[in-house]
C-alpha atoms as a PDB file:
ATOM      1  CA  UNK A   1       0.000   0.000   0.000  1.00  0.00           C
ATOM      2  CA  UNK A   2       1.542   3.375  -0.994  1.00  0.00           C
ATOM      3  CA  UNK A   3       2.557   5.767   1.767  1.00  0.00           C
ATOM      4  CA  UNK A   4       0.234   8.734   2.279  1.00  0.00           C
ATOM      5  CA  UNK A   5       1.413  12.095   0.936  1.00  0.00           C
ATOM      6  CA  UNK A   6       3.046  14.386   3.508  1.00  0.00           C
ATOM      7  CA  UNK A   7       0.855  17.017   5.115  1.00  0.00           C
ATOM      8  CA  UNK A   8       3.607  19.578   4.358  1.00  0.00           C
ATOM      9  CA  UNK A   9       6.222  19.263   1.633  1.00  0.00           C
ATOM     10  CA  UNK A  10       8.939  21.817   0.886  1.00  0.00           C
ATOM     11  CA  UNK A  11      10.814  21.191  -2.363  1.00  0.00           C
ATOM     12  CA  UNK A  12      13.917  22.970  -3.695  1.00  0.00           C
ATOM     13  CA  UNK A  13      12.855  26.109  -1.815  1.00  0.00           C
ATOM     14  CA  UNK A  14      14.862  29.283  -2.323  1.00  0.00           C
ATOM     15  CA  UNK A  15      13.896  32.415  -0.399  1.00  0.00           C
ATOM     16  CA  UNK A  16      15.395  35.489   1.207  1.00  0.00           C
ATOM     17  CA  UNK A  17      15.234  39.180   1.996  1.00  0.00           C
ATOM     18  CA  UNK A  18      15.808  41.792  -0.705  1.00  0.00           C
ATOM     19  CA  UNK A  19      18.900  40.816  -2.683  1.00  0.00           C
ATOM     20  CA  UNK A  20      20.061  38.341  -0.028  1.00  0.00           C
ATOM     21  CA  UNK A  21      19.125  34.686  -0.546  1.00  0.00           C
ATOM     22  CA  UNK A  22      18.895  32.809   2.752  1.00  0.00           C
ATOM     23  CA  UNK A  23      17.441  29.445   1.711  1.00  0.00           C
ATOM     24  CA  UNK A  24      19.346  27.636  -1.033  1.00  0.00           C
ATOM     25  CA  UNK A  25      17.138  24.789  -2.219  1.00  0.00           C
ATOM     26  CA  UNK A  26      15.600  23.351   0.968  1.00  0.00           C
ATOM     27  CA  UNK A  27      13.738  20.026   0.912  1.00  0.00           C
ATOM     28  CA  UNK A  28      11.763  18.585   3.823  1.00  0.00           C
ATOM     29  CA  UNK A  29       8.534  16.751   4.609  1.00  0.00           C
ATOM     30  CA  UNK A  30       6.201  16.636   7.593  1.00  0.00           C
ATOM     31  CA  UNK A  31       3.686  13.800   7.773  1.00  0.00           C
ATOM     32  CA  UNK A  32       0.331  14.056   9.507  1.00  0.00           C
ATOM     33  CA  UNK A  33       0.598  13.445  13.259  1.00  0.00           C
ATOM     34  CA  UNK A  34       4.365  13.907  13.456  1.00  0.00           C
ATOM     35  CA  UNK A  35       6.472  16.259  15.513  1.00  0.00           C
ATOM     36  CA  UNK A  36       9.421  17.133  13.286  1.00  0.00           C
ATOM     37  CA  UNK A  37      12.358  19.089  14.705  1.00  0.00           C
ATOM     38  CA  UNK A  38      14.333  21.577  12.623  1.00  0.00           C
ATOM     39  CA  UNK A  39      17.682  22.281  14.251  1.00  0.00           C
ATOM     40  CA  UNK A  40      20.969  24.003  13.449  1.00  0.00           C
ATOM     41  CA  UNK A  41      23.127  26.930  14.472  1.00  0.00           C
ATOM     42  CA  UNK A  42      22.071  30.564  14.484  1.00  0.00           C
ATOM     43  CA  UNK A  43      22.170  31.890  10.928  1.00  0.00           C
ATOM     44  CA  UNK A  44      21.185  28.556   9.386  1.00  0.00           C
ATOM     45  CA  UNK A  45      17.865  29.857   8.023  1.00  0.00           C
ATOM     46  CA  UNK A  46      15.452  27.944  10.265  1.00  0.00           C
ATOM     47  CA  UNK A  47      13.159  30.859  11.093  1.00  0.00           C
ATOM     48  CA  UNK A  48      13.311  32.067   7.502  1.00  0.00           C
ATOM     49  CA  UNK A  49      12.008  28.673   6.389  1.00  0.00           C
ATOM     50  CA  UNK A  50       8.961  28.912   8.653  1.00  0.00           C
ATOM     51  CA  UNK A  51       8.289  32.445   7.435  1.00  0.00           C
ATOM     52  CA  UNK A  52       8.606  31.346   3.812  1.00  0.00           C
ATOM     53  CA  UNK A  53       6.065  28.567   4.374  1.00  0.00           C
ATOM     54  CA  UNK A  54       3.469  31.072   5.626  1.00  0.00           C
ATOM     55  CA  UNK A  55       4.295  33.752   3.066  1.00  0.00           C
ATOM     56  CA  UNK A  56       6.112  36.234   5.318  1.00  0.00           C
ATOM     57  CA  UNK A  57       9.296  35.857   3.246  1.00  0.00           C
ATOM     58  CA  UNK A  58       9.080  35.824  -0.578  1.00  0.00           C
ATOM     59  CA  UNK A  59       9.749  32.476  -2.262  1.00  0.00           C
ATOM     60  CA  UNK A  60      12.118  32.835  -5.232  1.00  0.00           C
ATOM     61  CA  UNK A  61      12.052  29.267  -6.492  1.00  0.00           C
ATOM     62  CA  UNK A  62      10.813  25.848  -5.513  1.00  0.00           C
ATOM     63  CA  UNK A  63       7.459  25.122  -3.939  1.00  0.00           C
ATOM     64  CA  UNK A  64       5.538  24.586  -0.726  1.00  0.00           C
ATOM     65  CA  UNK A  65       2.729  22.010  -0.758  1.00  0.00           C
ATOM     66  CA  UNK A  66       0.096  21.481   1.912  1.00  0.00           C
ATOM     67  CA  UNK A  67      -2.234  18.487   1.765  1.00  0.00           C
ATOM     68  CA  UNK A  68      -0.812  17.709  -1.672  1.00  0.00           C
ATOM     69  CA  UNK A  69      -1.650  21.092  -3.207  1.00  0.00           C
ATOM     70  CA  UNK A  70       0.601  24.128  -3.829  1.00  0.00           C
ATOM     71  CA  UNK A  71       0.585  26.752  -1.096  1.00  0.00           C
ATOM     72  CA  UNK A  72       1.353  29.788  -3.250  1.00  0.00           C
ATOM     73  CA  UNK A  73       1.377  33.388  -1.945  1.00  0.00           C
ATOM     74  CA  UNK A  74      -0.708  32.483   1.114  1.00  0.00           C
ATOM     75  CA  UNK A  75      -2.590  35.111   3.122  1.00  0.00           C
ATOM     76  CA  UNK A  76      -2.581  34.704   6.928  1.00  0.00           C
ATOM     77  CA  UNK A  77      -6.374  34.398   7.284  1.00  0.00           C
ATOM     78  CA  UNK A  78      -6.529  31.788   4.504  1.00  0.00           C
ATOM     79  CA  UNK A  79      -3.749  29.805   6.139  1.00  0.00           C
ATOM     80  CA  UNK A  80      -5.683  29.694   9.396  1.00  0.00           C
ATOM     81  CA  UNK A  81      -8.805  28.521   7.619  1.00  0.00           C
ATOM     82  CA  UNK A  82      -6.769  25.789   5.917  1.00  0.00           C
ATOM     83  CA  UNK A  83      -5.409  24.665   9.285  1.00  0.00           C
ATOM     84  CA  UNK A  84      -1.915  26.221   9.490  1.00  0.00           C
ATOM     85  CA  UNK A  85      -0.832  28.356  12.452  1.00  0.00           C
ATOM     86  CA  UNK A  86       2.543  29.945  13.249  1.00  0.00           C
ATOM     87  CA  UNK A  87       3.852  30.771  16.728  1.00  0.00           C
ATOM     88  CA  UNK A  88       6.686  33.198  15.924  1.00  0.00           C
ATOM     89  CA  UNK A  89       9.801  33.783  17.954  1.00  0.00           C
ATOM     90  CA  UNK A  90       9.222  36.658  20.364  1.00  0.00           C
ATOM     91  CA  UNK A  91       5.541  35.693  20.960  1.00  0.00           C
ATOM     92  CA  UNK A  92       4.073  38.880  19.367  1.00  0.00           C
ATOM     93  CA  UNK A  93       1.279  39.213  21.913  1.00  0.00           C
ATOM     94  CA  UNK A  94      -0.945  42.269  22.361  1.00  0.00           C
ATOM     95  CA  UNK A  95       0.500  43.391  25.683  1.00  0.00           C
ATOM     96  CA  UNK A  96      -2.210  45.847  26.847  1.00  0.00           C
ATOM     97  CA  UNK A  97      -4.988  43.349  26.050  1.00  0.00           C
ATOM     98  CA  UNK A  98      -5.987  40.685  28.540  1.00  0.00           C
ATOM     99  CA  UNK A  99      -5.056  37.027  28.304  1.00  0.00           C
ATOM    100  CA  UNK A 100      -8.654  36.166  27.370  1.00  0.00           C
ATOM    101  CA  UNK A 101      -8.776  38.878  24.687  1.00  0.00           C
ATOM    102  CA  UNK A 102      -5.550  37.584  23.132  1.00  0.00           C
ATOM    103  CA  UNK A 103      -7.013  34.086  23.044  1.00  0.00           C
ATOM    104  CA  UNK A 104     -10.241  35.257  21.444  1.00  0.00           C
ATOM    105  CA  UNK A 105      -8.262  37.056  18.743  1.00  0.00           C
ATOM    106  CA  UNK A 106      -6.729  33.673  17.908  1.00  0.00           C
ATOM    107  CA  UNK A 107     -10.237  32.391  17.156  1.00  0.00           C
ATOM    108  CA  UNK A 108     -10.859  35.058  14.512  1.00  0.00           C
ATOM    109  CA  UNK A 109     -10.937  32.502  11.685  1.00  0.00           C
ATOM    110  CA  UNK A 110     -13.742  30.592  13.426  1.00  0.00           C
ATOM    111  CA  UNK A 111     -16.131  33.490  12.877  1.00  0.00           C
ATOM    112  CA  UNK A 112     -19.161  33.993  15.119  1.00  0.00           C
ATOM    113  CA  UNK A 113     -19.632  30.332  16.032  1.00  0.00           C
ATOM    114  CA  UNK A 114     -19.792  30.919  19.782  1.00  0.00           C
ATOM    115  CA  UNK A 115     -20.092  27.307  20.836  1.00  0.00           C
ATOM    116  CA  UNK A 116     -17.043  26.368  18.782  1.00  0.00           C
ATOM    117  CA  UNK A 117     -15.022  29.285  20.179  1.00  0.00           C
ATOM    118  CA  UNK A 118     -16.072  28.396  23.726  1.00  0.00           C
ATOM    119  CA  UNK A 119     -15.013  24.807  23.146  1.00  0.00           C
ATOM    120  CA  UNK A 120     -11.605  25.839  21.859  1.00  0.00           C
ATOM    121  CA  UNK A 121     -11.172  28.184  24.824  1.00  0.00           C
ATOM    122  CA  UNK A 122     -11.934  25.389  27.259  1.00  0.00           C
ATOM    123  CA  UNK A 123      -9.429  23.100  25.525  1.00  0.00           C
ATOM    124  CA  UNK A 124      -6.513  25.537  25.527  1.00  0.00           C
ATOM    125  CA  UNK A 125      -7.159  26.558  29.134  1.00  0.00           C
ATOM    126  CA  UNK A 126      -7.155  22.892  30.097  1.00  0.00           C
ATOM    127  CA  UNK A 127      -3.806  22.527  28.322  1.00  0.00           C
ATOM    128  CA  UNK A 128      -2.396  25.612  30.082  1.00  0.00           C
ATOM    129  CA  UNK A 129      -4.417  26.082  33.309  1.00  0.00           C
ATOM    130  CA  UNK A 130      -2.473  29.186  34.315  1.00  0.00           C
ATOM    131  CA  UNK A 131      -4.099  31.054  31.428  1.00  0.00           C
ATOM    132  CA  UNK A 132      -7.530  30.544  32.992  1.00  0.00           C
ATOM    133  CA  UNK A 133      -6.172  31.870  36.285  1.00  0.00           C
ATOM    134  CA  UNK A 134      -4.708  34.936  34.534  1.00  0.00           C
ATOM    135  CA  UNK A 135      -7.638  35.478  32.150  1.00  0.00           C
ATOM    136  CA  UNK A 136      -8.262  39.102  33.165  1.00  0.00           C
ATOM    137  CA  UNK A 137      -4.621  40.211  33.345  1.00  0.00           C
ATOM    138  CA  UNK A 138      -2.921  42.214  30.601  1.00  0.00           C
ATOM    139  CA  UNK A 139      -0.666  39.885  28.603  1.00  0.00           C
ATOM    140  CA  UNK A 140       2.306  42.192  29.263  1.00  0.00           C
ATOM    141  CA  UNK A 141       2.111  41.421  33.010  1.00  0.00           C
ATOM    142  CA  UNK A 142       2.667  37.674  32.541  1.00  0.00           C
ATOM    143  CA  UNK A 143       6.002  35.989  33.121  1.00  0.00           C
ATOM    144  CA  UNK A 144       8.053  34.980  30.091  1.00  0.00           C
ATOM    145  CA  UNK A 145       6.922  31.385  30.397  1.00  0.00           C
ATOM    146  CA  UNK A 146       3.277  32.341  30.728  1.00  0.00           C
ATOM    147  CA  UNK A 147       3.564  34.588  27.681  1.00  0.00           C
ATOM    148  CA  UNK A 148       4.973  31.686  25.673  1.00  0.00           C
ATOM    149  CA  UNK A 149       2.090  29.486  26.790  1.00  0.00           C
ATOM    150  CA  UNK A 150      -0.322  32.238  25.732  1.00  0.00           C
ATOM    151  CA  UNK A 151       1.335  32.517  22.313  1.00  0.00           C
ATOM    152  CA  UNK A 152       0.956  28.777  21.739  1.00  0.00           C
ATOM    153  CA  UNK A 153      -2.605  28.758  23.073  1.00  0.00           C
ATOM    154  CA  UNK A 154      -3.613  31.696  20.870  1.00  0.00           C
ATOM    155  CA  UNK A 155      -2.432  29.784  17.787  1.00  0.00           C
ATOM    156  CA  UNK A 156      -4.337  26.690  18.961  1.00  0.00           C
ATOM    157  CA  UNK A 157      -7.593  28.663  19.174  1.00  0.00           C
ATOM    158  CA  UNK A 158      -7.851  28.341  15.382  1.00  0.00           C
ATOM    159  CA  UNK A 159      -7.836  24.522  15.705  1.00  0.00           C
ATOM    160  CA  UNK A 160      -4.839  24.045  13.386  1.00  0.00           C
ATOM    161  CA  UNK A 161      -3.863  20.754  11.790  1.00  0.00           C
ATOM    162  CA  UNK A 162      -0.283  22.020  11.365  1.00  0.00           C
ATOM    163  CA  UNK A 163       1.441  24.076  14.067  1.00  0.00           C
ATOM    164  CA  UNK A 164       4.703  25.854  13.215  1.00  0.00           C
ATOM    165  CA  UNK A 165       6.690  26.741  16.344  1.00  0.00           C
ATOM    166  CA  UNK A 166       9.725  29.022  16.371  1.00  0.00           C
ATOM    167  CA  UNK A 167      12.057  28.693  19.391  1.00  0.00           C
ATOM    168  CA  UNK A 168       9.461  28.057  22.127  1.00  0.00           C
ATOM    169  CA  UNK A 169      12.104  27.467  24.833  1.00  0.00           C
ATOM    170  CA  UNK A 170      14.158  30.613  24.183  1.00  0.00           C
ATOM    171  CA  UNK A 171      15.031  32.412  27.421  1.00  0.00           C
ATOM    172  CA  UNK A 172      12.792  30.293  29.640  1.00  0.00           C
ATOM    173  CA  UNK A 173      13.541  28.454  32.886  1.00  0.00           C
ATOM    174  CA  UNK A 174      13.943  24.659  32.617  1.00  0.00           C
ATOM    175  CA  UNK A 175      10.741  23.996  34.582  1.00  0.00           C
ATOM    176  CA  UNK A 176       8.686  26.119  32.181  1.00  0.00           C
ATOM    177  CA  UNK A 177      10.338  24.529  29.147  1.00  0.00           C
ATOM    178  CA  UNK A 178       9.392  21.105  30.494  1.00  0.00           C
ATOM    179  CA  UNK A 179       5.745  22.241  30.836  1.00  0.00           C
ATOM    180  CA  UNK A 180       5.652  23.556  27.282  1.00  0.00           C
ATOM    181  CA  UNK A 181       7.161  20.410  25.793  1.00  0.00           C
ATOM    182  CA  UNK A 182       4.774  18.243  27.817  1.00  0.00           C
ATOM    183  CA  UNK A 183       1.949  20.246  26.222  1.00  0.00           C
ATOM    184  CA  UNK A 184       3.454  19.656  22.766  1.00  0.00           C
ATOM    185  CA  UNK A 185       3.498  15.925  23.460  1.00  0.00           C
ATOM    186  CA  UNK A 186      -0.198  16.057  24.364  1.00  0.00           C
ATOM    187  CA  UNK A 187      -1.011  18.035  21.226  1.00  0.00           C
ATOM    188  CA  UNK A 188       0.755  15.498  19.052  1.00  0.00           C
ATOM    189  CA  UNK A 189      -1.110  12.684  20.800  1.00  0.00           C
ATOM    190  CA  UNK A 190      -4.334  14.522  19.927  1.00  0.00           C
ATOM    191  CA  UNK A 191      -3.388  14.570  16.244  1.00  0.00           C
ATOM    192  CA  UNK A 192      -1.835  18.032  15.819  1.00  0.00           C
ATOM    193  CA  UNK A 193       1.128  17.966  13.422  1.00  0.00           C
ATOM    194  CA  UNK A 194       4.082  20.087  14.584  1.00  0.00           C
ATOM    195  CA  UNK A 195       7.129  21.520  12.819  1.00  0.00           C
ATOM    196  CA  UNK A 196       9.424  22.786  15.558  1.00  0.00           C
ATOM    197  CA  UNK A 197      12.397  25.143  15.253  1.00  0.00           C
ATOM    198  CA  UNK A 198      14.368  24.821  18.470  1.00  0.00           C
ATOM    199  CA  UNK A 199      17.746  26.024  19.718  1.00  0.00           C
ATOM    200  CA  UNK A 200      18.094  23.077  22.109  1.00  0.00           C
ATOM    201  CA  UNK A 201      18.734  20.290  19.621  1.00  0.00           C
ATOM    202  CA  UNK A 202      18.887  17.556  22.221  1.00  0.00           C
ATOM    203  CA  UNK A 203      15.564  18.551  23.763  1.00  0.00           C
ATOM    204  CA  UNK A 204      13.844  18.897  20.391  1.00  0.00           C
ATOM    205  CA  UNK A 205      15.024  15.529  19.104  1.00  0.00           C
ATOM    206  CA  UNK A 206      13.983  13.768  22.305  1.00  0.00           C
ATOM    207  CA  UNK A 207      10.401  14.830  21.636  1.00  0.00           C
ATOM    208  CA  UNK A 208      10.389  14.396  17.848  1.00  0.00           C
ATOM    209  CA  UNK A 209       9.855  11.421  15.551  1.00  0.00           C
ATOM    210  CA  UNK A 210      12.099  12.859  12.866  1.00  0.00           C
ATOM    211  CA  UNK A 211      14.404  15.801  12.417  1.00  0.00           C
ATOM    212  CA  UNK A 212      16.328  17.892   9.921  1.00  0.00           C
ATOM    213  CA  UNK A 213      19.604  19.733  10.399  1.00  0.00           C
ATOM    214  CA  UNK A 214      20.143  23.028   8.594  1.00  0.00           C
ATOM    215  CA  UNK A 215      23.443  24.736   7.894  1.00  0.00           C
ATOM    216  CA  UNK A 216      23.853  27.997   5.961  1.00  0.00           C
ATOM    217  CA  UNK A 217      20.473  27.793   4.252  1.00  0.00           C
ATOM    218  CA  UNK A 218      20.557  24.111   3.341  1.00  0.00           C
ATOM    219  CA  UNK A 219      19.331  20.865   4.887  1.00  0.00           C
ATOM    220  CA  UNK A 220      22.452  18.803   5.458  1.00  0.00           C
ATOM    221  CA  UNK A 221      21.034  15.900   7.466  1.00  0.00           C
ATOM    222  CA  UNK A 222      17.647  14.320   8.032  1.00  0.00           C
ATOM    223  CA  UNK A 223      16.173  11.174   9.480  1.00  0.00           C
ATOM    224  CA  UNK A 224      14.709   9.558  12.594  1.00  0.00           C
ATOM    225  CA  UNK A 225      15.269  11.665  15.691  1.00  0.00           C
ATOM    226  CA  UNK A 226      17.015   8.839  17.550  1.00  0.00           C
ATOM    227  CA  UNK A 227      19.549   8.478  14.726  1.00  0.00           C
ATOM    228  CA  UNK A 228      20.241  12.207  14.665  1.00  0.00           C
ATOM    229  CA  UNK A 229      20.753  12.266  18.434  1.00  0.00           C
ATOM    230  CA  UNK A 230      23.478   9.652  18.018  1.00  0.00           C
ATOM    231  CA  UNK A 231      25.112  11.404  15.057  1.00  0.00           C
ATOM    232  CA  UNK A 232      28.506  12.986  15.752  1.00  0.00           C
ATOM    233  CA  UNK A 233      27.743  15.998  13.565  1.00  0.00           C
ATOM    234  CA  UNK A 234      24.552  16.758  15.486  1.00  0.00           C
ATOM    235  CA  UNK A 235      26.465  16.415  18.742  1.00  0.00           C
ATOM    236  CA  UNK A 236      28.932  18.961  17.401  1.00  0.00           C
ATOM    237  CA  UNK A 237      26.100  21.381  16.624  1.00  0.00           C
ATOM    238  CA  UNK A 238      24.638  20.898  20.081  1.00  0.00           C
ATOM    239  CA  UNK A 239      27.997  21.718  21.647  1.00  0.00           C
ATOM    240  CA  UNK A 240      28.207  24.898  19.589  1.00  0.00           C
ATOM    241  CA  UNK A 241      31.000  24.068  17.165  1.00  0.00           C
ATOM    242  CA  UNK A 242      28.918  25.313  14.215  1.00  0.00           C
ATOM    243  CA  UNK A 243      28.442  29.059  14.485  1.00  0.00           C
ATOM    244  CA  UNK A 244      26.369  29.565  11.334  1.00  0.00           C
ATOM    245  CA  UNK A 245      27.812  31.307   8.322  1.00  0.00           C
ATOM    246  CA  UNK A 246      24.760  32.378   6.317  1.00  0.00           C
ATOM    247  CA  UNK A 247      22.492  35.336   6.517  1.00  0.00           C
ATOM    248  CA  UNK A 248      19.209  35.044   8.343  1.00  0.00           C
ATOM    249  CA  UNK A 249      18.127  32.758  11.120  1.00  0.00           C
END
């Protein structure tokens, strides 16, 4: 029986900023229900790849396919309706607005279906109970870890099939990181597909089925996460021997 087509496929993708090309022919696949880790040094182009997938960085060549169809010049609201959500690095919350208001903004693509919105709200607050406790607080008053939870939860309000996560552990205490990755494990168990960009390669690969290693705008390794964890090159990256030579992150 033939293997099902990947939920997300990136083929020969070239993209960048202005005259600077950051991605030099990237290929990767994410199958439905997987957590796939994308690792590499700063400057490798990992964040640029996520932005190119959702149309925030212009694609110069190659293609992005979602559910077997081209994803060309996507608009953010259409992506949400198709089941793709991005949690960017830096969280990008609306600081003066309350936790609950930020979450409800994440449900914009669901329209006026109140019962559906209420159901999503209950689910994300069950995943991150602290958000229910802080519902009336301005987002700017939350701790860094709570803000990261809110950023993930806001993306989940749209009920995505594919969640793109950019550096969720950056700058957070180990206890908070453990909580966030436990939530990612639960999401994957519930059928959410995740493409994860993460600075902590060892942590990311321990939670992933498969992974890809990027260096200077190219994928240089890929395979089962357990194999990559044992690979000497990946161990070198984790220890910081690769500093990243390309433009863009």
